[in-house]
Amino acid sequence: MLQFPSHGANYEQLYKNFNLDMPEIVYDLSENVNFLGYPKQIENLWQQLLPKITAYPNPLAEPLRTIIAVKHKVSPECILVGNGGAELLTFYAQLYKGKKVILIHPTFSEYKMTLEAAGAEIVNVTVNDLVNYELPLDEIKCHMKDADCLYLCNPNNPTGALIQKNAILELIEHGESVVCSLLIDEAFMDWTNEKHSAIELVTSHENVTVVRSMTKMYGIAGIRLGYLIGQPDLVSTMRNRLPHWNVNNLAISIGAECLKDEDFRLQSINEHLAIKNEIIHFLKSYHCAVTNSRANFLCFQLQNPEETENFYFHCLKQGIVLRHTNNYEGMNGKWLRIGMKNLKAMDKFKEVLADWHE
């Protein structure tokens, strides 16, 4: 039985697991970190940041917490900064031990892992049409009557599809009437437009919590940084469960610098969008189905989905690492996810796909 990894990245281990010879040059398109790297200012300030490793960080992650609060126009008491979004998802899941939580598939695999580890009961709903992504609202609402929480991933990972705000508001209001909370994971929202975010709804609706990641847009996956925006009592409850000093000093300072650099964010969006549009056109020229992604990645399906695994290994042998979908419910390994990277990497992918079709 082939052991596919549960996440993208760490491709050296991938080649080792499959007992494959690793090419001299490998392009990792399985992860979604900004190929432009991190904002230049971080490098410029590095000598000033370095001494911070000798001091204990602020337990509330100040001043970053307040900077986030100002950015999103909420009270600092509504913000919980975490060691990556993964830490926040882990501790949020623990609130639902013995309770029912709805997942909309395909979705980020970490939800299931953290909820199962916490002892939650998972209710599964699947979106069938991944190209014209649309939530089955009536089915979801029906399950919400007996559930304690609904997880939404917006933009969705792995498809990159955006859930319309009116649909989210409809689910929030239904949740209020049947006492069901919503966790909205906006890890890739900064790749699109803040008008699609549910953060502004946190203050007017007590059943809404939003999680954001900073590692993807700002190229700091190795630093680990994310934050949660929710009701002050929820934030306080979670903070009491988290380890003291859960966010390190470097992460706090780097996060603050990242949020100041709006030019970097806009440049990143524009450069990734140009590459993504070209890749979409290329994939469709080979009759691939492509998801309508608003993030820095997309999913595609070969004209013959039965060839997906063979193509995946064909790519690995040529030094192209894609993200498999074997552990995404509703995709069953018949799709592949590709992160947008620099032109050299994308040209190599095109070459490999063209070679496959010869």
Protein backbone atom coordinates (compact mmCIF):
# COMPACT_ATOMS: atom_id res chain seq x y z
CA MET A 1 0.00 0.00 0.00
CA LEU A 2 1.49 3.35 -1.07
CA GLN A 3 1.91 5.78 1.82
CA PHE A 4 0.96 9.21 0.55
CA PRO A 5 1.87 12.10 2.89
CA SER A 6 -0.94 13.95 4.66
CA HIS A 7 0.42 17.37 3.61
CA GLY A 8 2.40 19.00 0.84
CA ALA A 9 6.07 20.08 1.29
CA ASN A 10 8.98 17.96 2.69
CA TYR A 11 9.49 16.37 -0.71
CA GLU A 12 12.77 14.68 0.29
CA GLN A 13 10.76 12.40 2.57
CA LEU A 14 8.27 11.80 -0.24
CA TYR A 15 10.95 10.41 -2.57
CA LYS A 16 12.29 8.31 0.31
CA ASN A 17 8.81 6.91 1.14
CA PHE A 18 8.25 5.83 -2.46
CA ASN A 19 11.83 4.57 -2.85
CA LEU A 20 12.36 6.86 -5.84
CA ASP A 21 15.63 8.38 -6.99
CA MET A 22 15.34 12.12 -6.43
CA PRO A 23 16.33 14.23 -9.47
CA GLU A 24 19.08 16.79 -8.98
CA ILE A 25 16.58 19.64 -9.46
CA VAL A 26 13.15 19.34 -7.85
CA TYR A 27 10.32 21.87 -8.08
CA ASP A 28 7.95 21.56 -5.14
CA LEU A 29 4.49 22.58 -6.34
CA SER A 30 2.79 20.64 -3.53
CA GLU A 31 2.88 23.51 -1.03
CA ASN A 32 1.27 26.94 -1.21
CA VAL A 33 3.85 29.33 0.23
CA ASN A 34 4.46 32.59 -1.66
CA PHE A 35 7.27 31.97 -4.18
CA LEU A 36 8.40 35.60 -3.80
CA GLY A 37 9.54 34.67 -0.31
CA TYR A 38 9.18 37.13 2.57
CA PRO A 39 9.00 40.95 2.52
CA LYS A 40 12.42 42.56 1.94
CA GLN A 41 12.09 44.57 5.15
CA ILE A 42 12.54 41.42 7.24
CA GLU A 43 15.98 40.88 5.74
CA ASN A 44 16.86 44.56 6.22
CA LEU A 45 15.90 44.39 9.90
CA TRP A 46 17.45 40.99 10.62
CA GLN A 47 20.33 42.32 12.74
CA GLN A 48 17.80 44.22 14.89
CA LEU A 49 15.56 41.15 15.17
CA LEU A 50 18.30 38.73 16.17
CA PRO A 51 18.75 39.95 19.79
CA LYS A 52 15.07 39.15 20.41
CA ILE A 53 15.88 35.45 20.58
CA THR A 54 17.43 35.96 24.04
CA ALA A 55 14.27 37.49 25.59
CA TYR A 56 10.97 35.92 26.57
CA PRO A 57 8.11 37.06 24.29
CA ASN A 58 5.07 38.99 25.43
CA PRO A 59 2.54 36.32 26.57
CA LEU A 60 -0.26 38.03 24.56
CA ALA A 61 2.00 38.40 21.49
CA GLU A 62 1.99 42.19 21.74
CA PRO A 63 2.43 44.45 19.86
CA LEU A 64 1.32 42.11 17.04
CA ARG A 65 -2.05 41.42 18.67
CA THR A 66 -2.94 45.13 18.69
CA ILE A 67 -1.67 45.63 15.11
CA ILE A 68 -3.98 42.78 13.97
CA ALA A 69 -6.88 44.28 15.94
CA VAL A 70 -6.39 47.69 14.28
CA LYS A 71 -6.09 46.10 10.82
CA HIS A 72 -9.40 44.25 11.21
CA LYS A 73 -11.18 46.92 13.28
CA VAL A 74 -11.87 44.66 16.27
CA SER A 75 -10.94 44.79 19.95
CA PRO A 76 -7.56 43.23 20.95
CA GLU A 77 -9.56 41.01 23.35
CA CYS A 78 -11.04 39.32 20.25
CA ILE A 79 -7.57 38.28 18.98
CA LEU A 80 -5.60 35.17 19.82
CA VAL A 81 -2.21 34.84 18.11
CA GLY A 82 -0.95 31.31 17.53
CA ASN A 83 2.10 29.30 16.53
CA GLY A 84 0.63 28.92 13.03
CA GLY A 85 -3.02 28.35 12.20
CA ALA A 86 -2.46 24.64 12.94
CA GLU A 87 -1.99 25.29 16.67
CA LEU A 88 -5.19 27.34 16.83
CA LEU A 89 -7.16 24.67 14.96
CA THR A 90 -5.85 22.02 17.36
CA PHE A 91 -6.97 23.89 20.47
CA TYR A 92 -10.25 25.06 18.92
CA ALA A 93 -11.14 21.43 18.13
CA GLN A 94 -10.76 20.56 21.81
CA LEU A 95 -13.83 22.68 22.58
CA TYR A 96 -15.94 20.05 20.78
CA LYS A 97 -15.13 16.86 22.65
CA GLY A 98 -18.19 14.61 22.45
CA LYS A 99 -19.99 17.13 20.20
CA LYS A 100 -20.99 17.10 16.53
CA VAL A 101 -19.03 19.12 13.99
CA ILE A 102 -19.90 19.44 10.27
CA LEU A 103 -17.14 19.31 7.66
CA ILE A 104 -17.74 20.27 4.01
CA HIS A 105 -15.57 18.09 1.75
CA PRO A 106 -13.17 18.29 0.08
CA THR A 107 -11.45 20.38 2.73
CA PHE A 108 -8.23 20.87 4.68
CA SER A 109 -7.23 17.50 6.17
CA GLU A 110 -6.14 19.07 9.47
CA TYR A 111 -9.77 19.63 10.53
CA LYS A 112 -10.56 15.92 10.62
CA MET A 113 -7.28 15.01 12.33
CA THR A 114 -7.62 17.60 15.10
CA LEU A 115 -11.34 16.96 15.66
CA GLU A 116 -10.89 13.19 15.85
CA ALA A 117 -7.98 13.64 18.27
CA ALA A 118 -10.22 15.88 20.40
CA GLY A 119 -13.01 13.28 20.48
CA ALA A 120 -15.53 15.17 18.36
CA GLU A 121 -18.15 13.43 16.21
CA ILE A 122 -17.78 14.44 12.55
CA VAL A 123 -20.73 14.91 10.19
CA ASN A 124 -19.59 14.82 6.55
CA VAL A 125 -21.14 16.80 3.70
CA THR A 126 -19.65 16.73 0.18
CA VAL A 127 -19.63 19.30 -2.64
CA ASN A 128 -19.96 17.24 -5.82
CA ASP A 129 -19.32 19.80 -8.56
CA LEU A 130 -15.81 21.05 -7.82
CA VAL A 131 -15.51 23.24 -10.92
CA ASN A 132 -18.71 25.25 -10.26
CA TYR A 133 -18.20 25.04 -6.49
CA GLU A 134 -21.42 25.71 -4.60
CA LEU A 135 -22.37 24.72 -1.06
CA PRO A 136 -25.41 22.42 -0.63
CA LEU A 137 -27.01 24.93 1.75
CA ASP A 138 -30.22 23.01 2.49
CA GLU A 139 -28.31 19.84 3.42
CA ILE A 140 -25.90 21.80 5.61
CA LYS A 141 -28.73 23.64 7.38
CA CYS A 142 -30.47 20.34 8.04
CA HIS A 143 -27.36 18.95 9.78
CA MET A 144 -26.83 22.19 11.73
CA LYS A 145 -29.99 21.52 13.75
CA ASP A 146 -28.20 18.68 15.56
CA ALA A 147 -24.60 19.93 15.32
CA ASP A 148 -22.56 22.21 17.57
CA CYS A 149 -20.24 23.67 14.95
CA LEU A 150 -19.79 24.01 11.18
CA TYR A 151 -16.30 24.37 9.70
CA LEU A 152 -15.96 26.39 6.49
CA CYS A 153 -12.72 26.86 4.54
CA ASN A 154 -12.83 30.10 2.55
CA PRO A 155 -11.20 30.23 0.03
CA ASN A 156 -11.43 26.46 0.07
CA ASN A 157 -8.34 24.31 0.38
CA PRO A 158 -7.72 22.35 -1.87
CA THR A 159 -9.90 23.85 -4.64
CA GLY A 160 -9.27 27.56 -4.00
CA ALA A 161 -13.00 28.23 -4.54
CA LEU A 162 -14.52 31.22 -2.79
CA ILE A 163 -17.77 30.88 -0.83
CA GLN A 164 -20.02 33.86 -1.47
CA LYS A 165 -20.57 36.09 1.54
CA ASN A 166 -24.36 35.96 1.28
CA ALA A 167 -24.19 32.15 1.62
CA ILE A 168 -21.97 32.48 4.70
CA LEU A 169 -24.32 35.03 6.25
CA GLU A 170 -27.28 32.73 5.58
CA LEU A 171 -25.50 29.90 7.43
CA ILE A 172 -24.47 32.20 10.29
CA GLU A 173 -28.06 33.39 10.80
CA HIS A 174 -29.37 29.82 10.60
CA GLY A 175 -26.68 28.83 13.11
CA GLU A 176 -27.98 31.47 15.52
CA SER A 177 -31.49 30.06 15.31
CA VAL A 178 -30.40 26.44 15.93
CA VAL A 179 -27.45 27.21 18.28
CA CYS A 180 -24.63 26.09 15.96
CA SER A 181 -21.30 27.92 15.81
CA LEU A 182 -19.22 28.51 12.68
CA LEU A 183 -15.46 28.32 12.37
CA ILE A 184 -14.36 30.03 9.16
CA ASP A 185 -10.79 29.28 8.13
CA GLU A 186 -9.54 32.16 6.00
CA ALA A 187 -5.92 30.97 5.66
CA PHE A 188 -5.87 32.14 2.01
CA MET A 189 -8.21 35.15 2.23
CA ASP A 190 -5.32 37.61 1.91
CA TRP A 191 -4.81 36.31 -1.65
CA THR A 192 -8.17 37.78 -2.61
CA ASN A 193 -10.14 40.74 -1.26
CA GLU A 194 -11.00 41.53 2.38
CA LYS A 195 -14.59 42.30 1.33
CA HIS A 196 -15.10 38.51 1.16
CA SER A 197 -13.92 38.04 4.76
CA ALA A 198 -16.28 37.14 7.60
CA ILE A 199 -14.19 39.00 10.19
CA GLU A 200 -16.57 41.97 10.25
CA LEU A 201 -19.37 39.53 11.21
CA VAL A 202 -17.57 38.38 14.39
CA THR A 203 -18.62 41.49 16.34
CA SER A 204 -22.29 41.30 15.26
CA HIS A 205 -22.74 37.51 15.49
CA GLU A 206 -21.62 35.65 18.61
CA ASN A 207 -21.48 32.27 16.87
CA VAL A 208 -18.68 33.23 14.42
CA THR A 209 -14.94 32.59 14.79
CA VAL A 210 -12.36 33.24 12.06
CA VAL A 211 -8.87 31.76 11.76
CA ARG A 212 -6.17 33.37 9.60
CA SER A 213 -2.69 32.22 8.60
CA MET A 214 0.26 34.51 7.87
CA THR A 215 2.66 31.84 6.67
CA LYS A 216 1.39 31.48 3.08
CA MET A 217 1.20 35.07 1.86
CA TYR A 218 4.29 36.27 3.69
CA GLY A 219 6.54 33.28 2.99
CA ILE A 220 7.18 32.50 6.68
CA ALA A 221 6.05 28.87 6.96
CA GLY A 222 9.17 28.09 8.99
CA ILE A 223 8.37 30.81 11.53
CA ARG A 224 4.77 29.59 12.18
CA LEU A 225 2.26 32.37 12.69
CA GLY A 226 -1.51 32.68 12.59
CA TYR A 227 -4.35 34.27 14.54
CA LEU A 228 -7.93 33.69 15.58
CA ILE A 229 -10.66 36.34 15.81
CA GLY A 230 -13.60 35.48 17.99
CA GLN A 231 -15.68 36.40 21.02
CA PRO A 232 -13.56 37.55 24.02
CA ASP A 233 -14.81 34.64 26.25
CA LEU A 234 -13.82 32.09 23.58
CA VAL A 235 -10.44 33.75 23.13
CA SER A 236 -9.90 33.76 26.90
CA THR A 237 -10.90 30.07 27.20
CA MET A 238 -8.50 29.05 24.46
CA ARG A 239 -5.66 31.21 25.77
CA ASN A 240 -5.90 29.46 29.14
CA ARG A 241 -5.35 26.11 27.38
CA LEU A 242 -2.44 27.22 25.20
CA PRO A 243 1.16 26.93 26.40
CA HIS A 244 2.54 30.12 27.94
CA TRP A 245 4.66 32.09 25.41
CA ASN A 246 3.20 30.03 22.55
CA VAL A 247 4.36 32.60 19.96
CA ASN A 248 8.07 33.38 19.86
CA ASN A 249 9.63 36.83 19.79
CA LEU A 250 10.89 36.58 16.21
CA ALA A 251 7.44 35.60 14.96
CA ILE A 252 5.83 38.54 16.78
CA SER A 253 8.27 41.06 15.28
CA ILE A 254 8.26 39.53 11.79
CA GLY A 255 4.45 39.36 11.77
CA ALA A 256 4.22 43.04 12.65
CA GLU A 257 6.57 43.95 9.76
CA CYS A 258 4.63 41.77 7.31
CA LEU A 259 1.31 43.44 8.05
CA LYS A 260 2.83 46.87 7.36
CA ASP A 261 3.85 45.88 3.84
CA GLU A 262 0.67 46.13 1.78
CA ASP A 263 2.69 46.73 -1.40
CA PHE A 264 4.27 43.28 -1.01
CA ARG A 265 0.84 41.65 -0.63
CA LEU A 266 -0.56 43.36 -3.74
CA GLN A 267 2.56 42.57 -5.79
CA SER A 268 2.27 38.93 -4.71
CA ILE A 269 -1.39 38.74 -5.75
CA ASN A 270 -0.69 40.26 -9.17
CA GLU A 271 2.34 38.08 -9.97
CA HIS A 272 0.63 34.87 -8.85
CA LEU A 273 -2.55 35.75 -10.75
CA ALA A 274 -0.68 36.24 -14.03
CA ILE A 275 1.02 32.84 -13.62
CA LYS A 276 -2.21 31.15 -12.55
CA ASN A 277 -4.15 32.48 -15.55
CA GLU A 278 -1.48 31.15 -17.89
CA ILE A 279 -1.49 27.71 -16.20
CA ILE A 280 -5.29 27.54 -16.34
CA HIS A 281 -5.18 28.23 -20.09
CA PHE A 282 -2.45 25.60 -20.53
CA LEU A 283 -4.30 22.93 -18.53
CA LYS A 284 -7.53 23.53 -20.44
CA SER A 285 -5.66 23.18 -23.74
CA TYR A 286 -5.05 19.56 -22.65
CA HIS A 287 -8.75 19.13 -21.74
CA CYS A 288 -8.14 19.21 -17.99
CA ALA A 289 -10.94 20.24 -15.63
CA VAL A 290 -9.77 23.18 -13.48
CA THR A 291 -11.23 24.59 -10.26
CA ASN A 292 -12.19 28.25 -10.06
CA SER A 293 -9.48 29.24 -7.58
CA ARG A 294 -9.12 32.62 -5.89
CA ALA A 295 -5.99 31.52 -4.01
CA ASN A 296 -2.35 30.94 -5.03
CA PHE A 297 -3.07 27.32 -6.04
CA LEU A 298 -5.67 25.36 -7.96
CA CYS A 299 -6.83 21.79 -8.56
CA PHE A 300 -7.00 20.11 -11.92
CA GLN A 301 -8.23 16.79 -13.23
CA LEU A 302 -6.82 14.98 -16.26
CA GLN A 303 -9.13 14.22 -19.17
CA ASN A 304 -8.86 10.59 -18.03
CA PRO A 305 -8.97 10.74 -14.19
CA GLU A 306 -7.97 7.05 -13.98
CA GLU A 307 -4.47 8.11 -15.08
CA THR A 308 -4.00 10.50 -12.10
CA GLU A 309 -1.71 8.30 -10.01
CA ASN A 310 0.45 7.36 -13.00
CA PHE A 311 0.78 11.03 -13.94
CA TYR A 312 1.63 11.96 -10.33
CA PHE A 313 4.57 9.53 -10.35
CA HIS A 314 5.55 10.58 -13.87
CA CYS A 315 5.88 14.13 -12.49
CA LEU A 316 7.91 12.98 -9.46
CA LYS A 317 10.40 11.21 -11.71
CA GLN A 318 10.78 14.41 -13.73
CA GLY A 319 11.34 16.55 -10.60
CA ILE A 320 7.83 17.99 -10.31
CA VAL A 321 6.08 17.46 -6.97
CA LEU A 322 2.30 17.96 -7.06
CA ARG A 323 -0.14 17.58 -4.15
CA HIS A 324 -2.07 14.31 -4.35
CA THR A 325 -5.74 14.29 -3.27
CA ASN A 326 -5.95 10.77 -1.84
CA ASN A 327 -6.79 12.10 1.62
CA TYR A 328 -9.31 14.68 0.41
CA GLU A 329 -12.78 13.19 0.77
CA GLY A 330 -14.82 13.82 -2.38
CA MET A 331 -11.71 13.86 -4.60
CA ASN A 332 -10.56 10.27 -4.08
CA GLY A 333 -7.17 10.86 -5.62
CA LYS A 334 -8.69 11.80 -9.01
CA TRP A 335 -7.54 15.42 -8.83
CA LEU A 336 -4.15 17.07 -8.29
CA ARG A 337 -3.37 20.37 -6.60
CA ILE A 338 -0.68 22.67 -7.91
CA GLY A 339 0.77 25.69 -6.13
CA MET A 340 1.83 28.68 -8.23
CA LYS A 341 5.61 29.07 -8.27
CA ASN A 342 8.18 30.99 -10.32
CA LEU A 343 8.20 30.86 -14.13
CA LYS A 344 11.05 28.34 -14.25
CA ALA A 345 9.08 25.87 -12.11
CA MET A 346 5.86 26.39 -14.05
CA ASP A 347 7.64 26.01 -17.40
CA LYS A 348 9.05 22.69 -16.18
CA PHE A 349 5.54 21.56 -15.19
CA LYS A 350 4.24 22.50 -18.65
CA GLU A 351 7.07 20.55 -20.25
CA VAL A 352 6.27 17.47 -18.13
CA LEU A 353 2.53 17.66 -18.87
CA ALA A 354 3.17 18.09 -22.59
CA ASP A 355 5.59 15.14 -22.51
CA TRP A 356 2.92 13.00 -20.81
CA HIS A 357 0.49 13.65 -23.64
CA GLU A 358 2.94 12.77 -26.42
